[in-house]
Amino acid sequence: MQHRHLTTSGIPTTVPEIHSLLERGRTEDMRTFLRAIKDDPFGDRAENALRAAYDSEVYGYPAMIRIGVMAWRQDSRGRS
């Protein structure tokens, strides 16, 4: 995905990249992003996703991120 005013390659990681994804990303970009968070729900990308989601005024995806990260973290703890 091309981000306005950002140079990035691959899956968004920083808060500004994630904000850009929330505001302008395609559905497939979001699917790829959510898979990456699910694979590492305690990582930097997940933490930054939560920051962006709580700060965003976009409808839909921020709530999905918040719910997903919390569920994946809970699931991850249950498997240990």
Protein backbone atom coordinates (compact mmCIF):
# COMPACT_ATOMS: atom_id res chain seq x y z
CA MET A 1 0.00 0.00 0.00
CA GLN A 2 1.24 3.50 -0.80
CA HIS A 3 1.13 5.87 2.16
CA ARG A 4 0.82 9.58 1.65
CA HIS A 5 3.95 11.36 2.92
CA LEU A 6 5.40 8.10 4.25
CA THR A 7 8.10 5.82 2.94
CA THR A 8 7.38 2.26 3.92
CA SER A 9 7.77 -1.22 2.59
CA GLY A 10 5.69 -4.15 3.66
CA ILE A 11 3.18 -4.22 6.48
CA PRO A 12 2.63 -0.97 8.44
CA THR A 13 4.42 -0.87 11.79
CA THR A 14 4.58 2.72 13.02
CA VAL A 15 1.61 4.67 14.35
CA PRO A 16 1.60 7.09 11.35
CA GLU A 17 1.69 4.15 8.92
CA ILE A 18 -1.17 2.48 10.75
CA HIS A 19 -3.20 5.71 10.75
CA SER A 20 -2.66 5.90 7.00
CA LEU A 21 -3.84 2.30 6.62
CA LEU A 22 -6.96 3.03 8.67
CA GLU A 23 -7.75 6.12 6.63
CA ARG A 24 -6.81 4.98 3.12
CA GLY A 25 -6.09 1.25 3.13
CA ARG A 26 -7.78 -1.33 0.99
CA THR A 27 -9.54 -4.36 2.44
CA GLU A 28 -6.68 -6.67 1.43
CA ASP A 29 -4.15 -4.34 3.10
CA MET A 30 -6.18 -4.55 6.31
CA ARG A 31 -6.41 -8.34 6.12
CA THR A 32 -2.64 -8.63 5.77
CA PHE A 33 -2.16 -6.20 8.65
CA LEU A 34 -4.57 -8.06 10.95
CA ARG A 35 -2.87 -11.40 10.18
CA ALA A 36 0.49 -9.88 11.19
CA ILE A 37 -0.98 -8.63 14.48
CA LYS A 38 -2.59 -11.99 15.15
CA ASP A 39 0.78 -13.70 14.66
CA ASP A 40 2.39 -11.45 17.30
CA PRO A 41 -0.30 -9.85 19.52
CA PHE A 42 2.27 -8.62 22.07
CA GLY A 43 4.72 -7.11 19.57
CA ASP A 44 5.46 -3.50 18.67
CA ARG A 45 3.09 -3.58 15.68
CA ALA A 46 0.19 -4.67 17.91
CA GLU A 47 1.02 -2.01 20.51
CA ASN A 48 1.19 0.68 17.82
CA ALA A 49 -2.04 -0.62 16.29
CA LEU A 50 -3.79 -0.16 19.62
CA ARG A 51 -2.42 3.38 19.95
CA ALA A 52 -3.61 4.23 16.46
CA ALA A 53 -6.98 2.53 16.97
CA TYR A 54 -7.74 4.40 20.21
CA ASP A 55 -6.74 7.69 18.57
CA SER A 56 -8.57 7.16 15.27
CA GLU A 57 -11.92 8.59 14.28
CA VAL A 58 -12.32 6.12 11.41
CA TYR A 59 -15.38 3.88 11.67
CA GLY A 60 -15.09 0.11 11.91
CA TYR A 61 -11.48 -0.98 11.62
CA PRO A 62 -10.21 0.63 14.85
CA ALA A 63 -12.82 -1.28 16.88
CA MET A 64 -11.90 -4.47 15.03
CA ILE A 65 -8.22 -3.92 15.91
CA ARG A 66 -8.97 -3.29 19.60
CA ILE A 67 -11.20 -6.35 19.92
CA GLY A 68 -8.85 -8.53 17.88
CA VAL A 69 -5.68 -7.67 19.79
CA MET A 70 -7.33 -8.28 23.14
CA ALA A 71 -8.81 -11.61 21.99
CA TRP A 72 -5.52 -12.76 20.42
CA ARG A 73 -3.63 -11.84 23.56
CA GLN A 74 -6.09 -13.78 25.68
CA ASP A 75 -5.90 -16.75 23.33
CA SER A 76 -2.11 -16.62 23.37
CA ARG A 77 -2.04 -16.72 27.18
CA GLY A 78 -4.38 -19.71 27.18
CA ARG A 79 -2.03 -21.73 24.98
CA SER A 80 1.02 -21.26 27.19
